[in-house]
Amino acid sequence: MLALATDPAVARAGQGVARPEIWSGAGASDHAVWGLCRGAAAQPYRTSVRLDGPSYGCTCPSRKLPCKHALGLLLLWSAGAVPEGEEPPWIPAASEPRAPRRTTVADPVAALREATGRLADVVVDVTAKAPAAFAQAIELARPAATVVVAGTRGFGTGAPGFIPDMVVLKELRVIGALGVDTTAYRAALDLLASGRYPFADLPRRCVGLDAAEDLLATMAGERDDAPPVHGVVMP
C-alpha cells in the first residue's frame, strides 16, 4: 500500500494518520473507501478513494495524489479496520464505467459477501481460455489474500477488466501454477481419496453428445437448473 505514495514523506505521513481514533464515519464498499479525518482544520477532512480507478478525493489542501489522508485511509482498510457501509453522497463519481462482469451471476462479489459475510482468503482461477476471469478473481479476493492462476488464457488475449493497481491496493499475492504434471495429478487424486473435503457434494454432470447442447446452455445460465461446477461431455 505504501508503494502508492508519491514520495517517502507522504508514506511516513500516511502511516501517521492510519489511526482509527482520528477517523469518523469511515466505511467501505466494493468500489470505494471513505472517511472523515480529524486534522488541523476546524472541520474534518472528507477523504475518499475510488477503487475502480483508482482515484482519490480529499478536502485537505495537499496537491499530492494520494495525499496522506487517502493513504492512511487505505492502510486502515487493508488492515481490516474499516467496516462495510453505504457510500455517502459526497464521494466523487467514478471517472469511467467499470468493465462488465462476464458471469452468469449478476454480481459474484456481492453473492460471496451475502453467502459468507466477507471476501475470499484464497481465490483459485482455473478457467482456461477465459481472459476476463482474472479480473473477477482479483475482485473476489480480500486484502492480503492469495490469487492462484492455474489456467492459461492464450497468448496475446490480455485480461479484460483487470486493473493492476487493485493488486497494489489490496496487497495481493498472485501465484501462477501449471499443476498438470504427474506429481500434481497424484497429489490431487490422493486429496480426493482422503475425504478431507466434501468434493462429492459438488454438483457435476457427465453427458453424451446428444445432451451436450443442454449442458452448455445450463452452464451458460440459460436453463432453470443450477449449473454444475464441473461438466463433462463424453462422446
Protein backbone atom coordinates (compact mmCIF):
# COMPACT_ATOMS: atom_id res chain seq x y z
CA MET A 1 0.00 0.00 0.00
CA LEU A 2 2.85 2.39 0.80
CA ALA A 3 4.04 1.94 -2.80
CA LEU A 4 1.21 4.28 -3.82
CA ALA A 5 2.88 7.22 -2.05
CA THR A 6 4.46 9.79 -4.34
CA ASP A 7 7.48 10.16 -2.03
CA PRO A 8 8.80 8.86 1.33
CA ALA A 9 7.45 11.90 3.19
CA VAL A 10 3.88 11.09 2.11
CA ALA A 11 4.40 7.45 3.06
CA ARG A 12 5.51 8.42 6.58
CA ALA A 13 2.69 10.93 6.96
CA GLY A 14 0.18 8.36 5.73
CA GLN A 15 1.33 5.92 8.38
CA GLY A 16 0.93 8.71 10.94
CA VAL A 17 -2.77 9.20 10.18
CA ALA A 18 -3.55 5.46 9.90
CA ARG A 19 -5.04 5.59 13.40
CA PRO A 20 -8.71 4.68 13.91
CA GLU A 21 -9.16 7.20 16.73
CA ILE A 22 -8.79 10.22 14.40
CA TRP A 23 -11.29 8.89 11.85
CA SER A 24 -15.08 9.01 11.95
CA GLY A 25 -17.76 7.91 9.52
CA ALA A 26 -15.33 5.55 7.82
CA GLY A 27 -16.73 2.87 5.55
CA ALA A 28 -16.04 0.75 2.53
CA SER A 29 -17.96 -0.77 -0.37
CA ASP A 30 -16.87 -2.92 -3.29
CA HIS A 31 -15.98 0.25 -5.18
CA ALA A 32 -14.83 2.86 -2.65
CA VAL A 33 -13.38 3.63 0.78
CA TRP A 34 -14.22 6.83 2.65
CA GLY A 35 -13.98 8.60 5.99
CA LEU A 36 -13.65 11.88 7.88
CA CYS A 37 -10.18 12.56 9.28
CA ARG A 38 -9.63 14.96 12.17
CA GLY A 39 -6.80 17.34 11.33
CA ALA A 40 -5.62 20.90 11.90
CA ALA A 41 -8.69 22.47 10.27
CA ALA A 42 -11.90 23.25 12.13
CA GLN A 43 -13.78 20.65 10.11
CA PRO A 44 -12.54 17.10 9.46
CA TYR A 45 -11.19 16.33 6.01
CA ARG A 46 -13.52 14.39 3.76
CA THR A 47 -11.37 11.66 2.26
CA SER A 48 -12.35 9.06 -0.32
CA VAL A 49 -10.69 6.55 -2.61
CA ARG A 50 -12.49 5.03 -5.55
CA LEU A 51 -11.15 1.54 -6.09
CA ASP A 52 -12.40 1.36 -9.68
CA GLY A 53 -9.83 3.91 -10.90
CA PRO A 54 -8.28 4.25 -8.53
CA SER A 55 -8.95 7.93 -7.89
CA TYR A 56 -8.52 9.99 -4.74
CA GLY A 57 -10.51 12.78 -3.17
CA CYS A 58 -9.80 14.87 -0.07
CA THR A 59 -10.72 18.34 1.17
CA CYS A 60 -7.24 18.91 2.61
CA PRO A 61 -5.00 21.48 0.84
CA SER A 62 -2.40 18.92 -0.29
CA ARG A 63 -1.76 18.54 -4.02
CA LYS A 64 -0.31 15.06 -3.63
CA LEU A 65 -2.28 12.13 -5.08
CA PRO A 66 -2.81 10.26 -2.92
CA CYS A 67 -2.49 12.67 -0.03
CA LYS A 68 -1.51 11.40 3.42
CA HIS A 69 -5.17 11.13 4.44
CA ALA A 70 -6.09 8.94 1.45
CA LEU A 71 -3.03 6.78 2.05
CA GLY A 72 -3.76 6.46 5.76
CA LEU A 73 -7.36 5.51 4.98
CA LEU A 74 -6.16 2.78 2.60
CA LEU A 75 -3.77 1.47 5.24
CA LEU A 76 -6.64 1.18 7.72
CA TRP A 77 -8.81 -0.52 5.10
CA SER A 78 -6.13 -3.05 4.19
CA ALA A 79 -5.74 -3.85 7.90
CA GLY A 80 -9.46 -4.63 8.15
CA ALA A 81 -10.18 -1.58 10.35
CA VAL A 82 -12.81 -0.04 8.03
CA PRO A 83 -16.31 -1.53 8.20
CA GLU A 84 -18.59 -2.04 5.23
CA GLY A 85 -21.18 0.65 4.63
CA GLU A 86 -23.30 2.56 2.15
CA GLU A 87 -21.44 5.16 0.12
CA PRO A 88 -22.21 8.74 1.25
CA PRO A 89 -23.37 11.23 -1.38
CA TRP A 90 -20.20 13.36 -1.17
CA ILE A 91 -17.96 10.70 -2.73
CA PRO A 92 -16.99 11.70 -6.30
CA ALA A 93 -18.46 9.55 -9.04
CA ALA A 94 -16.26 7.10 -10.91
CA SER A 95 -14.32 8.70 -13.75
CA GLU A 96 -15.28 5.91 -16.12
CA PRO A 97 -17.66 2.94 -16.07
CA ARG A 98 -16.42 -0.38 -14.79
CA ALA A 99 -15.87 -3.22 -17.24
CA PRO A 100 -18.88 -5.54 -17.35
CA ARG A 101 -18.62 -8.80 -15.47
CA ARG A 102 -18.85 -11.81 -17.78
CA THR A 103 -20.58 -14.26 -15.49
CA THR A 104 -23.94 -15.88 -15.02
CA VAL A 105 -24.10 -14.34 -11.54
CA ALA A 106 -25.10 -10.69 -11.71
CA ASP A 107 -22.61 -9.68 -9.02
CA PRO A 108 -20.33 -12.50 -7.78
CA VAL A 109 -18.64 -10.23 -5.23
CA ALA A 110 -21.99 -9.38 -3.66
CA ALA A 111 -23.04 -13.03 -3.83
CA LEU A 112 -19.89 -14.09 -1.98
CA ARG A 113 -20.40 -11.43 0.70
CA GLU A 114 -24.02 -12.50 1.14
CA ALA A 115 -23.08 -16.17 1.46
CA THR A 116 -20.03 -15.80 3.71
CA GLY A 117 -20.06 -12.23 5.05
CA ARG A 118 -16.63 -11.46 3.55
CA LEU A 119 -14.39 -11.79 0.54
CA ALA A 120 -12.12 -14.78 -0.11
CA ASP A 121 -8.80 -15.58 1.56
CA VAL A 122 -7.75 -17.65 -1.46
CA VAL A 123 -9.12 -17.47 -5.00
CA VAL A 124 -8.15 -20.25 -7.43
CA ASP A 125 -8.79 -19.34 -11.06
CA VAL A 126 -8.83 -22.48 -13.23
CA THR A 127 -10.96 -21.08 -16.07
CA ALA A 128 -8.73 -21.80 -19.05
CA LYS A 129 -9.29 -19.70 -22.18
CA ALA A 130 -11.39 -17.18 -20.18
CA PRO A 131 -9.38 -13.90 -20.17
CA ALA A 132 -11.95 -11.90 -18.17
CA ALA A 133 -11.92 -14.37 -15.26
CA PHE A 134 -8.66 -12.98 -13.85
CA ALA A 135 -10.19 -9.55 -13.16
CA GLN A 136 -13.06 -11.26 -11.37
CA ALA A 137 -10.64 -13.29 -9.26
CA ILE A 138 -8.90 -10.08 -8.15
CA GLU A 139 -12.24 -8.55 -7.14
CA LEU A 140 -13.26 -11.65 -5.17
CA ALA A 141 -10.07 -11.57 -3.08
CA ARG A 142 -9.96 -9.77 0.26
CA PRO A 143 -7.00 -7.51 1.16
CA ALA A 144 -3.76 -9.51 1.62
CA ALA A 145 -5.35 -12.60 0.03
CA THR A 146 -3.78 -15.06 -2.41
CA VAL A 147 -4.91 -15.46 -6.02
CA VAL A 148 -3.79 -18.64 -7.79
CA VAL A 149 -3.94 -18.57 -11.60
CA ALA A 150 -3.91 -22.17 -12.80
CA GLY A 151 -5.34 -21.95 -16.30
CA THR A 152 -3.79 -20.47 -19.43
CA ARG A 153 -5.71 -17.81 -21.35
CA GLY A 154 -3.89 -17.86 -24.68
CA PHE A 155 -1.01 -15.58 -25.52
CA GLY A 156 -2.00 -12.09 -26.65
CA THR A 157 -5.51 -12.21 -25.17
CA GLY A 158 -4.82 -9.82 -22.26
CA ALA A 159 -7.09 -9.61 -19.20
CA PRO A 160 -10.25 -7.56 -19.88
CA GLY A 161 -11.40 -5.53 -16.89
CA PHE A 162 -8.19 -6.09 -14.93
CA ILE A 163 -6.94 -3.03 -13.01
CA PRO A 164 -3.29 -3.61 -12.00
CA ASP A 165 -3.50 -1.06 -9.17
CA MET A 166 -6.01 -3.33 -7.41
CA VAL A 167 -3.17 -5.79 -6.74
CA VAL A 168 -1.28 -2.99 -5.00
CA LEU A 169 -4.31 -1.55 -3.18
CA LYS A 170 -5.26 -4.96 -1.79
CA GLU A 171 -1.63 -6.08 -1.33
CA LEU A 172 -2.46 -9.38 -3.04
CA ARG A 173 -0.18 -12.36 -3.58
CA VAL A 174 -0.63 -13.68 -7.13
CA ILE A 175 0.74 -17.13 -7.95
CA GLY A 176 0.87 -18.81 -11.34
CA ALA A 177 0.67 -22.62 -11.38
CA LEU A 178 0.80 -25.15 -14.18
CA GLY A 179 -0.26 -28.07 -11.99
CA VAL A 180 -0.59 -30.57 -14.84
CA ASP A 181 2.38 -32.88 -14.26
CA THR A 182 2.27 -36.40 -12.85
CA THR A 183 3.16 -35.29 -9.32
CA ALA A 184 0.32 -32.78 -9.27
CA TYR A 185 -2.22 -35.32 -10.54
CA ARG A 186 -1.13 -37.85 -7.91
CA ALA A 187 -1.45 -35.26 -5.14
CA ALA A 188 -4.91 -34.28 -6.39
CA LEU A 189 -6.09 -37.90 -6.50
CA ASP A 190 -4.76 -38.50 -3.00
CA LEU A 191 -6.64 -35.44 -1.76
CA LEU A 192 -9.87 -36.65 -3.36
CA ALA A 193 -9.46 -40.11 -1.88
CA SER A 194 -8.74 -38.75 1.59
CA GLY A 195 -12.27 -37.43 2.03
CA ARG A 196 -10.85 -34.35 3.72
CA TYR A 197 -13.12 -32.05 1.73
CA PRO A 198 -16.71 -32.72 0.55
CA PHE A 199 -15.89 -32.83 -3.15
CA ALA A 200 -18.57 -35.49 -3.66
CA ASP A 201 -21.24 -32.93 -2.77
CA LEU A 202 -20.22 -30.55 -5.56
CA PRO A 203 -22.68 -30.53 -8.48
CA ARG A 204 -21.25 -32.18 -11.58
CA ARG A 205 -22.71 -33.63 -14.73
CA CYS A 206 -21.45 -36.03 -17.38
CA VAL A 207 -23.40 -36.28 -20.65
CA GLY A 208 -23.12 -37.74 -24.11
CA LEU A 209 -23.08 -35.76 -27.33
CA ASP A 210 -26.88 -35.85 -27.53
CA ALA A 211 -27.14 -33.80 -24.30
CA ALA A 212 -24.13 -31.53 -24.88
CA GLU A 213 -26.25 -28.61 -26.05
CA ASP A 214 -28.41 -28.72 -22.92
CA LEU A 215 -25.32 -28.96 -20.67
CA LEU A 216 -23.69 -25.96 -22.32
CA ALA A 217 -26.92 -23.94 -22.05
CA THR A 218 -27.20 -24.85 -18.34
CA MET A 219 -23.61 -23.81 -17.67
CA ALA A 220 -24.28 -20.54 -19.52
CA GLY A 221 -27.21 -19.79 -17.21
CA GLU A 222 -29.83 -20.28 -19.92
CA ARG A 223 -31.71 -23.01 -18.04
CA ASP A 224 -33.55 -23.03 -14.73
CA ASP A 225 -31.29 -25.75 -13.30
CA ALA A 226 -28.25 -24.75 -11.25
CA PRO A 227 -25.11 -25.05 -13.41
CA PRO A 228 -22.68 -27.80 -12.35
CA VAL A 229 -19.25 -26.94 -11.06
CA HIS A 230 -17.80 -29.47 -13.49
CA GLY A 231 -19.40 -30.52 -16.76
CA VAL A 232 -18.03 -33.28 -18.99
CA VAL A 233 -19.06 -34.33 -22.49
CA MET A 234 -18.28 -37.98 -23.21
CA PRO A 235 -18.59 -38.89 -26.92
